[in-house]
Amino acid sequence: MKKFKKWLVDHFLPMWAKETVLRENRQLCLECEELKHKLEIQGAYIAGLESGTRSMRRIVINNNGRVSGENTDK
């Protein structure tokens, strides 16, 4: 019985394992491509937000010669 079991494992298990690994690899590659596409879209969104905030005019608050956030207790 040991010889038959060894023959069975040697001849069939590697093929099955190889097919399983290749199937899972294809699935993971598809998932990776989807995530890369999502990352590209999010990167473009972030770049748009950054350029939008940079192009906004700065607001300067005049506070009788003091800089905003300065401590008034001297």
C-alpha atoms as a PDB file:
ATOM      1  CA  MET A   1       0.000   0.000   0.000  1.00  0.00           C
ATOM      2  CA  LYS A   2       2.858   2.401   0.686  1.00  0.00           C
ATOM      3  CA  LYS A   3       4.152   2.143  -2.885  1.00  0.00           C
ATOM      4  CA  PHE A   4       0.752   2.922  -4.382  1.00  0.00           C
ATOM      5  CA  LYS A   5       0.216   5.860  -2.039  1.00  0.00           C
ATOM      6  CA  LYS A   6       3.678   7.257  -2.824  1.00  0.00           C
ATOM      7  CA  TRP A   7       3.078   6.850  -6.562  1.00  0.00           C
ATOM      8  CA  LEU A   8      -0.311   8.541  -6.263  1.00  0.00           C
ATOM      9  CA  VAL A   9       1.104  11.490  -4.329  1.00  0.00           C
ATOM     10  CA  ASP A  10       4.153  11.861  -6.589  1.00  0.00           C
ATOM     11  CA  HIS A  11       2.164  11.803  -9.816  1.00  0.00           C
ATOM     12  CA  PHE A  12      -1.035  13.667  -8.971  1.00  0.00           C
ATOM     13  CA  LEU A  13      -0.459  15.991  -6.052  1.00  0.00           C
ATOM     14  CA  PRO A  14       2.188  18.177  -7.707  1.00  0.00           C
ATOM     15  CA  MET A  15      -0.043  18.724 -10.762  1.00  0.00           C
ATOM     16  CA  TRP A  16      -3.005  19.643  -8.581  1.00  0.00           C
ATOM     17  CA  ALA A  17      -0.876  21.887  -6.399  1.00  0.00           C
ATOM     18  CA  LYS A  18       0.582  23.546  -9.489  1.00  0.00           C
ATOM     19  CA  GLU A  19      -2.873  24.219 -10.931  1.00  0.00           C
ATOM     20  CA  THR A  20      -4.074  25.625  -7.620  1.00  0.00           C
ATOM     21  CA  VAL A  21      -1.095  27.932  -7.299  1.00  0.00           C
ATOM     22  CA  LEU A  22      -1.465  29.163 -10.880  1.00  0.00           C
ATOM     23  CA  ARG A  23      -5.193  29.807 -10.410  1.00  0.00           C
ATOM     24  CA  GLU A  24      -4.592  31.739  -7.187  1.00  0.00           C
ATOM     25  CA  ASN A  25      -1.747  33.644  -8.841  1.00  0.00           C
ATOM     26  CA  ARG A  26      -4.020  34.761 -11.714  1.00  0.00           C
ATOM     27  CA  GLN A  27      -6.654  35.857  -9.218  1.00  0.00           C
ATOM     28  CA  LEU A  28      -4.105  37.833  -7.191  1.00  0.00           C
ATOM     29  CA  CYS A  29      -2.729  39.470 -10.360  1.00  0.00           C
ATOM     30  CA  LEU A  30      -6.215  40.660 -11.275  1.00  0.00           C
ATOM     31  CA  GLU A  31      -6.723  42.010  -7.757  1.00  0.00           C
ATOM     32  CA  CYS A  32      -3.333  43.732  -7.925  1.00  0.00           C
ATOM     33  CA  GLU A  33      -4.229  45.396 -11.235  1.00  0.00           C
ATOM     34  CA  GLU A  34      -7.515  46.641  -9.761  1.00  0.00           C
ATOM     35  CA  LEU A  35      -5.677  48.087  -6.764  1.00  0.00           C
ATOM     36  CA  LYS A  36      -3.099  49.768  -9.022  1.00  0.00           C
ATOM     37  CA  HIS A  37      -5.911  51.369 -11.011  1.00  0.00           C
ATOM     38  CA  LYS A  38      -7.618  52.528  -7.805  1.00  0.00           C
ATOM     39  CA  LEU A  39      -4.314  53.943  -6.529  1.00  0.00           C
ATOM     40  CA  GLU A  40      -3.797  55.816  -9.799  1.00  0.00           C
ATOM     41  CA  ILE A  41      -7.264  57.389  -9.527  1.00  0.00           C
ATOM     42  CA  GLN A  42      -6.698  58.363  -5.891  1.00  0.00           C
ATOM     43  CA  GLY A  43      -3.291  59.840  -6.757  1.00  0.00           C
ATOM     44  CA  ALA A  44      -4.884  62.005  -9.441  1.00  0.00           C
ATOM     45  CA  TYR A  45      -7.564  63.105  -6.970  1.00  0.00           C
ATOM     46  CA  ILE A  46      -4.943  64.026  -4.367  1.00  0.00           C
ATOM     47  CA  ALA A  47      -2.876  65.921  -6.956  1.00  0.00           C
ATOM     48  CA  GLY A  48      -5.988  67.879  -7.934  1.00  0.00           C
ATOM     49  CA  LEU A  49      -6.720  68.766  -4.323  1.00  0.00           C
ATOM     50  CA  GLU A  50      -3.119  69.874  -3.762  1.00  0.00           C
ATOM     51  CA  SER A  51      -3.041  72.068  -6.851  1.00  0.00           C
ATOM     52  CA  GLY A  52      -6.431  73.512  -5.914  1.00  0.00           C
ATOM     53  CA  THR A  53      -5.329  74.436  -2.415  1.00  0.00           C
ATOM     54  CA  ARG A  54      -2.049  75.903  -3.687  1.00  0.00           C
ATOM     55  CA  SER A  55      -3.823  78.109  -6.197  1.00  0.00           C
ATOM     56  CA  MET A  56      -6.159  79.573  -3.578  1.00  0.00           C
ATOM     57  CA  ARG A  57      -5.319  83.081  -2.492  1.00  0.00           C
ATOM     58  CA  ARG A  58      -3.875  83.405   0.951  1.00  0.00           C
ATOM     59  CA  ILE A  59      -5.989  85.280   3.447  1.00  0.00           C
ATOM     60  CA  VAL A  60      -4.069  87.867   5.429  1.00  0.00           C
ATOM     61  CA  ILE A  61      -5.662  89.119   8.632  1.00  0.00           C
ATOM     62  CA  ASN A  62      -4.499  92.532   9.819  1.00  0.00           C
ATOM     63  CA  ASN A  63      -4.712  92.701  13.583  1.00  0.00           C
ATOM     64  CA  ASN A  64      -3.338  96.158  14.407  1.00  0.00           C
ATOM     65  CA  GLY A  65       0.210  95.217  13.447  1.00  0.00           C
ATOM     66  CA  ARG A  66       0.252  91.881  15.306  1.00  0.00           C
ATOM     67  CA  VAL A  67       0.684  88.592  13.561  1.00  0.00           C
ATOM     68  CA  SER A  68      -2.153  86.169  13.914  1.00  0.00           C
ATOM     69  CA  GLY A  69      -1.427  83.579  16.636  1.00  0.00           C
ATOM     70  CA  GLU A  70       0.970  85.857  18.510  1.00  0.00           C
ATOM     71  CA  ASN A  71       0.657  85.969  22.275  1.00  0.00           C
ATOM     72  CA  THR A  72      -0.901  89.266  23.439  1.00  0.00           C
ATOM     73  CA  ASP A  73       0.276  88.910  27.066  1.00  0.00           C
ATOM     74  CA  LYS A  74       3.682  90.631  27.296  1.00  0.00           C
END
